[in-house]
Protein backbone atom coordinates (compact mmCIF):
# COMPACT_ATOMS: atom_id res chain seq x y z
CA MET A 1 -269.99 150.05 108.93
CA LYS A 2 -272.67 152.74 109.23
CA LEU A 3 -274.26 153.93 112.48
CA TYR A 4 -276.90 156.51 113.29
CA ASN A 5 -275.32 159.22 115.44
CA SER A 6 -277.87 160.86 117.75
CA GLU A 7 -275.72 163.98 117.98
CA SER A 8 -275.58 164.67 114.23
CA ARG A 9 -279.00 163.02 113.71
CA THR A 10 -277.66 161.28 110.59
CA ILE A 11 -276.35 157.85 109.64
CA GLU A 12 -272.58 158.14 109.42
CA ASP A 13 -269.68 155.96 108.32
CA PHE A 14 -268.27 154.60 111.55
CA LYS A 15 -264.58 155.09 112.16
CA SER A 16 -262.88 154.55 115.50
CA ARG A 17 -260.33 157.02 116.78
CA VAL A 18 -257.67 154.30 117.07
CA GLU A 19 -257.62 151.89 114.15
CA GLY A 20 -259.10 148.51 115.03
CA VAL A 21 -260.10 149.51 118.60
CA VAL A 22 -263.43 150.86 119.90
CA ASP A 23 -263.81 152.49 123.30
CA MET A 24 -267.48 152.12 124.25
CA TYR A 25 -269.39 153.27 127.32
CA THR A 26 -272.80 151.96 128.42
CA CYS A 27 -275.07 153.66 130.94
CA GLY A 28 -275.84 150.90 133.43
CA PRO A 29 -278.88 150.36 135.68
CA THR A 30 -279.87 152.07 138.90
CA VAL A 31 -279.98 149.00 141.13
CA TYR A 32 -282.90 149.76 143.41
CA HIS A 33 -285.26 147.22 141.80
CA PHE A 34 -285.44 144.62 139.04
CA ALA A 35 -284.85 145.80 135.48
CA HIS A 36 -288.00 145.83 133.37
CA VAL A 37 -288.00 144.41 129.85
CA GLY A 38 -287.94 147.93 128.38
CA ASN A 39 -284.60 148.53 130.12
CA LEU A 40 -283.37 145.16 128.90
CA ARG A 41 -284.17 145.98 125.27
CA SER A 42 -281.46 148.66 125.41
CA TYR A 43 -278.90 146.23 126.82
CA ILE A 44 -279.78 143.59 124.19
CA MET A 45 -279.17 146.08 121.38
CA GLU A 46 -275.97 147.37 122.96
CA ASP A 47 -274.80 143.76 123.17
CA VAL A 48 -275.60 143.30 119.47
CA LEU A 49 -273.65 146.49 118.72
CA GLN A 50 -270.58 145.16 120.53
CA ARG A 51 -270.90 141.76 118.86
CA THR A 52 -271.24 143.40 115.44
CA LEU A 53 -268.17 145.57 115.97
CA GLU A 54 -266.19 142.47 116.92
CA TYR A 55 -267.68 140.54 114.00
CA VAL A 56 -266.36 143.10 111.52
CA GLY A 57 -262.92 143.12 113.13
CA TYR A 58 -262.76 145.62 116.00
CA LYS A 59 -261.51 145.03 119.53
CA VAL A 60 -264.06 146.59 121.88
CA ASN A 61 -263.17 148.05 125.27
CA ARG A 62 -266.55 148.38 126.98
CA VAL A 63 -267.21 150.02 130.33
CA MET A 64 -270.53 150.17 132.21
CA ASN A 65 -271.50 151.88 135.46
CA ILE A 66 -273.80 150.58 138.17
CA THR A 67 -275.70 153.42 139.87
CA ASP A 68 -275.69 152.51 143.54
CA VAL A 69 -275.75 156.02 145.03
CA GLY A 70 -278.80 158.31 145.30
CA HIS A 71 -280.38 158.70 141.88
CA LEU A 72 -282.92 161.52 142.09
CA GLN A 73 -285.77 162.27 139.71
CA SER A 74 -284.44 165.74 138.97
CA ASP A 75 -281.42 167.96 139.24
CA GLY A 76 -283.34 170.17 141.63
CA ASP A 77 -283.05 167.52 144.36
CA THR A 78 -286.72 166.64 143.92
CA GLY A 79 -288.66 163.42 143.74
CA GLU A 80 -287.41 160.35 145.57
CA ASP A 81 -283.94 158.96 146.20
CA LYS A 82 -284.39 155.67 144.34
CA MET A 83 -281.76 153.74 146.28
CA LEU A 84 -283.17 154.88 149.61
CA LYS A 85 -286.68 154.06 148.40
CA GLY A 86 -285.56 150.50 147.58
CA ALA A 87 -283.88 150.09 150.97
CA GLU A 88 -286.97 151.28 152.85
CA ARG A 89 -289.25 149.08 150.75
CA GLU A 90 -287.36 145.91 151.69
CA ASN A 91 -286.04 146.89 155.11
CA LYS A 92 -282.41 146.54 154.03
CA THR A 93 -279.41 148.82 153.77
CA VAL A 94 -278.73 150.69 150.54
CA MET A 95 -275.65 148.57 149.82
CA GLU A 96 -277.59 145.33 150.44
CA ILE A 97 -280.20 146.53 147.94
CA ALA A 98 -277.47 147.48 145.47
CA LYS A 99 -275.86 144.04 145.63
CA GLN A 100 -279.20 142.22 145.42
CA TYR A 101 -280.34 144.02 142.29
CA THR A 102 -276.92 144.11 140.65
CA ASP A 103 -276.89 140.31 140.94
CA ALA A 104 -280.46 140.16 139.59
CA PHE A 105 -279.53 142.35 136.62
CA LYS A 106 -276.47 140.24 135.88
CA ASN A 107 -278.65 137.10 135.98
CA ASP A 108 -281.08 138.68 133.51
CA CYS A 109 -278.15 139.47 131.21
CA GLU A 110 -276.90 135.88 131.36
CA ARG A 111 -280.35 134.50 130.52
CA LEU A 112 -280.62 136.87 127.56
CA ASN A 113 -277.09 136.09 126.28
CA ILE A 114 -276.08 139.70 126.98
CA ARG A 115 -272.35 139.53 127.57
CA TRP A 116 -271.22 141.26 130.74
CA PRO A 117 -268.87 144.19 129.91
CA GLU A 118 -265.23 143.60 130.73
CA THR A 119 -265.28 146.62 133.07
CA VAL A 120 -268.30 147.20 135.34
CA VAL A 121 -267.91 149.88 138.01
CA PRO A 122 -270.26 150.90 140.84
CA ALA A 123 -270.72 154.65 141.18
CA THR A 124 -269.63 154.49 144.83
CA GLY A 125 -266.20 153.25 143.70
CA CYS A 126 -265.07 156.47 141.98
CA ILE A 127 -265.78 159.28 144.45
CA ASP A 128 -262.19 160.60 144.18
CA GLU A 129 -262.54 160.85 140.39
CA TYR A 130 -265.72 162.94 140.68
CA ILE A 131 -264.06 165.27 143.17
CA LYS A 132 -261.08 165.72 140.82
CA ILE A 133 -263.33 166.62 137.89
CA ILE A 134 -265.54 168.98 139.91
CA SER A 135 -262.51 170.75 141.38
CA ARG A 136 -261.11 171.48 137.91
CA LEU A 137 -264.50 172.67 136.68
CA ILE A 138 -264.64 175.14 139.58
CA ASP A 139 -261.05 176.31 138.96
CA ASN A 140 -261.78 176.86 135.25
CA GLY A 141 -264.99 178.79 135.88
CA PHE A 142 -267.45 176.13 134.71
CA ALA A 143 -268.91 175.42 138.15
CA TYR A 144 -269.91 177.41 141.23
CA LEU A 145 -271.02 176.91 144.83
CA SER A 146 -274.50 177.98 145.91
CA ASN A 147 -276.50 177.12 149.02
CA GLY A 148 -273.93 174.46 149.92
CA ASN A 149 -274.12 172.62 146.57
CA VAL A 150 -271.84 172.70 143.54
CA TYR A 151 -273.54 173.48 140.22
CA PHE A 152 -272.39 173.35 136.61
CA ASP A 153 -272.76 176.75 134.95
CA SER A 154 -274.50 176.06 131.64
CA SER A 155 -274.26 179.74 130.59
CA LYS A 156 -270.55 179.18 129.91
CA LEU A 157 -271.39 176.96 126.92
CA LYS A 158 -272.24 178.11 123.40
CA ASP A 159 -273.96 174.84 122.57
CA TYR A 160 -275.50 173.17 125.61
CA TYR A 161 -278.07 170.83 123.99
CA ARG A 162 -276.72 168.42 121.35
CA PHE A 163 -279.58 166.06 120.55
CA GLY A 164 -282.31 168.31 119.10
CA ASN A 165 -283.48 171.83 118.43
CA GLN A 166 -284.91 172.72 121.83
CA GLY A 167 -284.58 176.28 123.00
CA LYS A 168 -283.73 177.48 126.49
CA GLU A 169 -287.37 177.80 127.54
CA ASP A 170 -288.11 174.25 126.40
CA LEU A 171 -285.29 172.85 128.52
CA ALA A 172 -286.67 174.29 131.78
CA VAL A 173 -284.96 172.78 134.82
CA GLY A 174 -283.56 169.65 133.21
CA VAL A 175 -285.50 166.89 134.85
CA ARG A 176 -286.23 163.21 134.43
CA GLU A 177 -289.82 162.85 135.58
CA SER A 178 -290.68 166.00 137.53
CA VAL A 179 -289.90 169.71 137.39
CA GLU A 180 -289.32 171.96 140.35
CA GLU A 181 -287.39 175.23 140.41
CA ASP A 182 -284.09 175.03 142.30
CA LEU A 183 -283.46 178.50 143.71
CA GLY A 184 -279.76 177.72 144.18
CA LYS A 185 -279.15 177.82 140.45
CA LYS A 186 -277.95 180.85 138.51
CA ASN A 187 -279.52 179.55 135.30
CA LYS A 188 -282.44 177.24 134.58
CA ASN A 189 -280.26 174.66 132.85
CA ASP A 190 -277.58 174.43 135.56
CA PHE A 191 -277.32 171.07 137.30
CA VAL A 192 -275.85 169.74 140.53
CA LEU A 193 -272.36 168.21 140.51
CA TRP A 194 -272.15 167.68 144.28
CA PHE A 195 -274.78 167.87 147.03
CA THR A 196 -273.96 168.93 150.58
CA LYS A 197 -277.39 170.44 151.22
CA SER A 198 -280.10 167.96 150.34
CA LYS A 199 -283.82 167.83 150.94
CA PHE A 200 -283.22 164.30 152.20
CA GLU A 201 -282.09 164.49 155.81
CA ASN A 202 -281.51 160.73 156.02
CA HIS A 203 -279.54 160.28 152.78
CA ALA A 204 -277.71 156.99 153.32
CA LEU A 205 -274.39 157.50 151.53
CA LYS A 206 -272.14 160.54 152.07
CA TRP A 207 -268.44 161.33 151.64
CA ASP A 208 -266.00 164.06 152.61
CA SER A 209 -265.25 166.62 149.91
CA PRO A 210 -263.65 170.07 149.65
CA TRP A 211 -267.19 171.50 149.77
CA GLY A 212 -268.42 169.56 152.77
CA VAL A 213 -269.85 166.11 153.49
CA GLY A 214 -272.20 165.07 150.72
CA TYR A 215 -272.66 162.94 147.64
CA PRO A 216 -272.26 163.27 143.85
CA GLY A 217 -274.94 164.36 141.42
CA TRP A 218 -276.31 161.73 139.08
CA HIS A 219 -274.63 162.91 135.88
CA ILE A 220 -271.05 163.18 137.16
CA GLU A 221 -270.74 159.44 137.79
CA CYS A 222 -270.73 158.41 134.12
CA SER A 223 -268.27 161.16 133.19
CA GLY A 224 -265.98 160.13 136.03
CA ILE A 225 -266.09 156.39 135.37
CA SER A 226 -265.65 156.85 131.62
CA HIS A 227 -262.69 159.18 132.11
CA LYS A 228 -261.01 156.89 134.64
CA TYR A 229 -261.27 153.70 132.58
CA LEU A 230 -261.36 154.91 128.96
CA GLY A 231 -259.49 158.22 129.07
CA GLU A 232 -260.24 161.60 127.50
CA TYR A 233 -261.77 160.24 124.29
CA LEU A 234 -264.72 157.97 123.64
CA ASP A 235 -265.81 156.35 120.39
CA ILE A 236 -269.38 155.32 121.28
CA HIS A 237 -271.65 156.18 124.19
CA CYS A 238 -274.80 154.04 124.58
CA GLY A 239 -278.07 154.36 126.43
CA GLY A 240 -281.83 154.44 126.19
CA VAL A 241 -283.41 157.29 124.25
CA ASP A 242 -284.69 158.81 127.51
CA ASN A 243 -281.07 159.37 128.58
CA LYS A 244 -280.57 162.02 125.89
CA PHE A 245 -281.81 164.73 128.22
CA PRO A 246 -280.80 165.60 130.79
CA HIS A 247 -278.29 162.84 131.47
CA HIS A 248 -276.25 162.66 128.27
CA THR A 249 -276.63 166.37 127.61
CA ASN A 250 -275.09 167.09 131.00
CA GLU A 251 -272.42 164.45 130.58
CA ILE A 252 -271.21 166.18 127.42
CA ALA A 253 -271.29 169.61 129.07
CA GLN A 254 -269.24 168.66 132.12
CA THR A 255 -266.84 166.26 130.38
CA GLU A 256 -265.90 168.52 127.47
CA SER A 257 -265.49 171.45 129.87
CA PHE A 258 -263.17 169.24 131.93
CA VAL A 259 -261.03 167.77 129.11
CA GLY A 260 -261.10 170.85 126.87
CA HIS A 261 -262.02 169.12 123.59
CA LYS A 262 -264.70 167.02 121.89
CA TRP A 263 -265.26 163.91 123.97
CA CYS A 264 -267.46 161.32 122.22
CA ASN A 265 -267.80 160.83 118.46
CA TYR A 266 -270.93 158.62 118.26
CA TRP A 267 -274.06 158.48 120.42
CA PHE A 268 -276.15 155.28 120.24
CA HIS A 269 -279.68 155.48 121.65
CA VAL A 270 -282.25 152.67 121.77
CA GLU A 271 -285.94 153.57 121.47
CA HIS A 272 -288.61 152.80 124.06
CA LEU A 273 -290.41 149.53 124.52
CA ASN A 274 -294.06 150.41 125.07
CA ASP A 275 -297.04 148.49 126.34
CA LYS A 276 -300.66 149.35 125.62
CA ALA A 277 -300.50 152.08 128.27
CA GLY A 278 -297.38 153.68 126.77
CA LYS A 279 -293.72 153.73 127.81
CA MET A 280 -292.75 151.08 130.37
CA SER A 281 -291.64 152.64 133.63
CA LYS A 282 -290.95 151.44 137.15
CA SER A 283 -292.60 154.59 138.49
CA LYS A 284 -295.96 153.21 137.31
CA GLY A 285 -295.75 150.48 139.96
CA ASP A 286 -296.44 147.14 138.32
CA PHE A 287 -293.84 146.60 135.60
CA LEU A 288 -292.88 143.70 133.38
CA THR A 289 -289.66 141.92 134.37
CA LEU A 290 -287.89 139.12 132.51
CA SER A 291 -289.05 136.65 135.16
CA LYS A 292 -292.67 137.68 134.63
CA VAL A 293 -292.30 137.26 130.87
CA ASP A 294 -290.83 133.81 131.58
CA GLU A 295 -293.80 132.94 133.79
CA MET A 296 -296.12 133.99 130.95
CA GLY A 297 -294.53 131.24 128.85
CA TYR A 298 -292.01 133.22 126.81
CA SER A 299 -288.38 132.24 127.31
CA PRO A 300 -285.58 134.84 127.42
CA MET A 301 -284.50 133.77 123.93
CA VAL A 302 -287.99 134.45 122.59
CA TYR A 303 -287.81 137.95 124.07
CA ARG A 304 -284.36 138.54 122.55
CA PHE A 305 -285.68 137.33 119.18
CA PHE A 306 -288.70 139.63 119.59
CA CYS A 307 -286.36 142.61 120.05
CA LEU A 308 -284.15 141.66 117.08
CA GLN A 309 -287.16 141.54 114.77
CA SER A 310 -287.43 145.32 115.07
CA HIS A 311 -284.93 148.12 114.44
CA TYR A 312 -283.43 149.56 117.60
CA ARG A 313 -284.41 153.12 116.60
CA LYS A 314 -288.10 152.24 116.27
CA GLN A 315 -290.48 152.13 119.21
CA LEU A 316 -291.55 148.57 119.92
CA VAL A 317 -294.90 147.60 121.43
CA PHE A 318 -295.04 144.60 123.76
CA SER A 319 -298.38 142.83 123.33
CA GLU A 320 -299.59 139.25 123.65
CA GLU A 321 -300.16 139.10 119.90
CA ALA A 322 -296.68 140.39 119.08
CA ILE A 323 -294.80 138.16 121.53
CA ASN A 324 -296.85 135.10 120.45
CA SER A 325 -295.89 135.80 116.85
CA ALA A 326 -292.21 136.04 117.84
CA LYS A 327 -292.47 132.82 119.83
CA SER A 328 -293.99 130.94 116.90
CA ALA A 329 -291.35 132.23 114.47
CA TYR A 330 -288.51 131.40 116.88
CA GLN A 331 -289.86 127.88 117.48
CA LYS A 332 -289.98 127.21 113.75
CA LEU A 333 -286.49 128.62 113.29
CA ILE A 334 -284.97 126.53 116.09
CA LYS A 335 -286.77 123.40 114.93
CA ARG A 336 -285.38 123.86 111.41
CA ILE A 337 -281.86 124.52 112.69
CA SER A 338 -281.93 121.48 115.00
CA SER A 339 -282.80 119.28 112.01
CA LEU A 340 -279.47 120.09 110.30
CA LYS A 341 -276.95 117.24 110.44
CA ASN A 342 -273.19 117.20 110.11
CA GLU A 343 -272.56 115.04 107.08
CA GLY A 344 -268.82 115.46 106.81
CA LYS A 345 -269.17 117.21 103.46
CA GLU A 346 -266.96 120.01 102.22
CA ILE A 347 -268.30 123.51 102.85
CA ASP A 348 -269.36 125.31 99.67
CA ASN A 349 -267.03 128.32 99.99
CA GLN A 350 -268.81 130.29 97.27
CA ILE A 351 -272.18 130.04 99.02
CA PHE A 352 -270.59 130.61 102.43
CA SER A 353 -268.88 133.83 101.26
CA GLU A 354 -272.00 135.07 99.46
CA TYR A 355 -274.33 134.70 102.45
CA LYS A 356 -271.79 135.82 105.03
CA GLU A 357 -271.46 139.02 103.02
CA LYS A 358 -275.26 139.42 102.94
CA PHE A 359 -275.46 139.01 106.71
CA LYS A 360 -272.50 141.32 107.32
CA SER A 361 -274.03 143.93 105.03
CA ALA A 362 -277.29 143.81 107.02
CA VAL A 363 -275.74 144.33 110.45
CA GLU A 364 -273.32 146.95 109.10
CA LYS A 365 -276.31 149.04 107.99
CA ASP A 366 -277.03 150.58 111.38
CA LEU A 367 -277.69 147.17 112.94
CA ASN A 368 -280.51 146.04 110.66
CA THR A 369 -281.20 142.92 112.70
CA ALA A 370 -284.54 142.24 110.98
CA LEU A 371 -282.75 142.00 107.64
CA ALA A 372 -280.02 139.87 109.24
CA LEU A 373 -282.67 137.41 110.50
CA SER A 374 -284.11 137.18 106.99
CA VAL A 375 -280.67 136.06 105.79
CA VAL A 376 -280.78 133.25 108.38
CA PHE A 377 -284.11 132.03 106.98
CA ASP A 378 -282.74 132.32 103.42
CA VAL A 379 -279.78 130.10 104.31
CA LEU A 380 -282.09 127.40 105.68
CA LYS A 381 -283.91 127.31 102.32
CA LEU A 382 -280.73 126.92 100.26
CA GLU A 383 -280.14 123.94 97.97
CA THR A 384 -276.80 123.08 99.51
CA ASN A 385 -275.41 120.59 102.02
CA ASP A 386 -276.14 120.89 105.75
CA ASP A 387 -272.47 121.40 106.59
CA THR A 388 -272.47 124.70 104.69
CA LYS A 389 -275.67 125.79 106.40
CA ILE A 390 -274.32 124.86 109.83
CA ALA A 391 -271.14 126.87 109.25
CA LEU A 392 -273.19 129.93 108.28
CA ILE A 393 -275.67 129.58 111.16
CA LYS A 394 -272.82 129.35 113.69
CA ASP A 395 -271.13 132.36 112.12
CA PHE A 396 -274.30 134.49 112.28
CA ASP A 397 -275.09 133.59 115.87
CA TYR A 398 -271.91 135.31 117.04
CA VAL A 399 -273.85 138.52 116.43
CA LEU A 400 -277.43 137.39 117.09
CA GLY A 401 -276.81 135.37 120.28
CA LEU A 402 -279.97 133.29 119.85
CA ASP A 403 -278.68 129.87 121.02
CA PHE A 404 -278.34 128.45 117.52
CA ASP A 405 -275.33 126.49 118.75
CA LYS A 406 -277.47 124.61 121.28
CA ALA A 407 -280.01 123.77 118.60
CA LEU A 408 -277.24 122.50 116.31
CA GLU A 409 -275.97 120.28 119.12
CA ASN A 410 -279.56 118.99 119.56
CA ASN A 411 -279.53 120.16 123.15
CA GLU A 412 -282.65 121.52 124.78
CA VAL A 413 -283.42 125.09 123.76
CA VAL A 414 -286.17 126.47 125.97
CA VAL A 415 -288.74 128.31 123.87
CA ASP A 416 -291.84 127.79 125.98
CA SER A 417 -291.00 127.95 129.68
CA SER A 418 -294.37 126.56 130.73
CA VAL A 419 -296.39 123.47 129.83
CA ASP A 420 -300.13 123.87 129.60
CA SER A 421 -301.88 121.62 132.13
CA ASP A 422 -304.07 119.99 129.46
CA PHE A 423 -301.04 119.31 127.29
CA GLU A 424 -299.16 117.85 130.26
CA ALA A 425 -302.12 115.56 130.99
CA TYR A 426 -302.11 114.43 127.35
CA ILE A 427 -298.35 113.69 127.50
CA ASN A 428 -298.73 111.64 130.66
CA GLU A 429 -301.64 109.74 129.13
CA MET A 430 -299.50 108.89 126.09
CA ILE A 431 -296.61 107.81 128.34
CA GLU A 432 -298.95 105.39 130.12
CA LYS A 433 -300.28 103.99 126.81
CA ARG A 434 -296.70 103.46 125.66
CA ARG A 435 -295.85 101.68 128.94
CA LEU A 436 -298.76 99.29 128.44
CA ALA A 437 -297.81 98.72 124.79
CA LYS A 438 -294.24 97.82 125.79
CA ALA A 439 -295.54 95.54 128.57
CA ASN A 440 -297.58 93.70 125.91
CA LYS A 441 -294.52 93.64 123.63
CA ASP A 442 -296.34 95.86 121.12
CA TYR A 443 -293.18 97.75 120.24
CA LYS A 444 -294.65 99.12 117.00
CA THR A 445 -297.31 101.06 118.94
CA ALA A 446 -294.75 102.16 121.51
CA ASP A 447 -292.54 103.60 118.75
CA GLU A 448 -295.52 105.30 117.11
CA ILE A 449 -296.35 107.01 120.42
CA ARG A 450 -292.76 108.18 120.85
CA ASN A 451 -292.72 109.56 117.29
CA GLU A 452 -296.09 111.25 117.70
CA LEU A 453 -294.86 113.04 120.82
CA LYS A 454 -291.58 113.99 119.13
CA GLU A 455 -293.55 115.70 116.37
CA LYS A 456 -295.14 117.80 119.12
CA ASN A 457 -291.67 118.78 120.45
CA VAL A 458 -291.85 116.30 123.35
CA GLU A 459 -288.85 114.07 123.97
CA LEU A 460 -289.34 110.97 126.13
CA ILE A 461 -286.59 109.95 128.52
CA ASP A 462 -286.60 106.36 129.77
CA THR A 463 -285.00 105.80 133.19
CA PRO A 464 -284.92 102.85 135.63
CA GLN A 465 -287.50 104.75 137.68
CA GLY A 466 -289.87 105.26 134.73
CA THR A 467 -290.35 107.58 131.77
CA THR A 468 -290.13 111.36 131.98
CA PHE A 469 -290.23 114.01 129.25
CA LYS A 470 -288.84 117.37 128.23
CA ILE A 471 -290.01 119.99 125.77
CA ILE A 472 -287.59 120.49 122.88
CA SER A 473 -287.44 122.70 119.81
């Protein structure tokens, strides 16, 4: 298997530190609001990565954090405390907001067939671990106290930035969305490990520490959670491309200074999802959630398919034209799969092995999901029995997670979450015509109406109370 490593900026042969086992860490959401679909693209691709690793034979130990403690816009204690902002917006406590949006994020994951990691840890649950790490960093000369806060001393490192060729002047203060000089720092690139002096007088969550009552910096939480649950070594660290700096840069600095050796071997970053205005961001105000996409008539599976049509390292543009194209392609794919029938025939092992290898080769090439999808379409065109095709489709969907199993069982697979009002009126008109035909014992016409609607992906359901319908694929 080959993966692009953001640290080396090359595609490398993947090899886990322990044979057959992968320790994988995922940067989770800051739960102050709903996730937007740009966020969710990263989690879809991280899910595909885990599924692919398992598909080729690895056992994956995956850990994800939930940021439920003040997540600032910069290391200089500037911008807004996102958790506090969410609490004030909805007149709730910070922990009520955290639970509400953690549940919402988990629901989005379920709808998108993103498997929940086996270990999910809120940042507020590992305060003792952060204090342990910070204390050792101070003892070993990698951190210092200034103006009541504890900072990491970036001047102690020979190689601070790992993901590009930026110089010290380019790195400035190390911010997410705003830059403001922090006069407590010795060096421009230093960052806060623990706040006791904050510009936010009403910061909601604080804990006792050797340096005073305060709260952890943003970056220390992932280092602490990863160390506690996965140990001193990590095979793969995942996140969106915007996490490279400062978050992942600072994670590497503090973690390797703490453990005393190289920490993570592979860095997996997913590119931005853009709209016509550019990168999707909650800071812009109105942002596109999965529920809004659903209301627009595009089911979660259509959105997952849309993401898999593109490579995870390429920027993807969300537009009506692009999502409509994905919806049409997914509808055709599901319709073709649902037409396959178990015939009780023997699987053609030669064809099965040949196309399984083609699919495996595609996903092993740095998760080339577009090529993998083309293998699915190729299988459906094969001159072989349906039983062989069904076996291959089921095998592929372990990685793709596109509800092929539901289509094969002829269950409802929601592709279009809305029914146009004119189309609904037409369906109801046809139902009434069929009722009259049956009343007149014109069963031929009644069957023709049923078949006509079925061709339009409408299934009629006769009940003692009358006839209803559902949209199928």
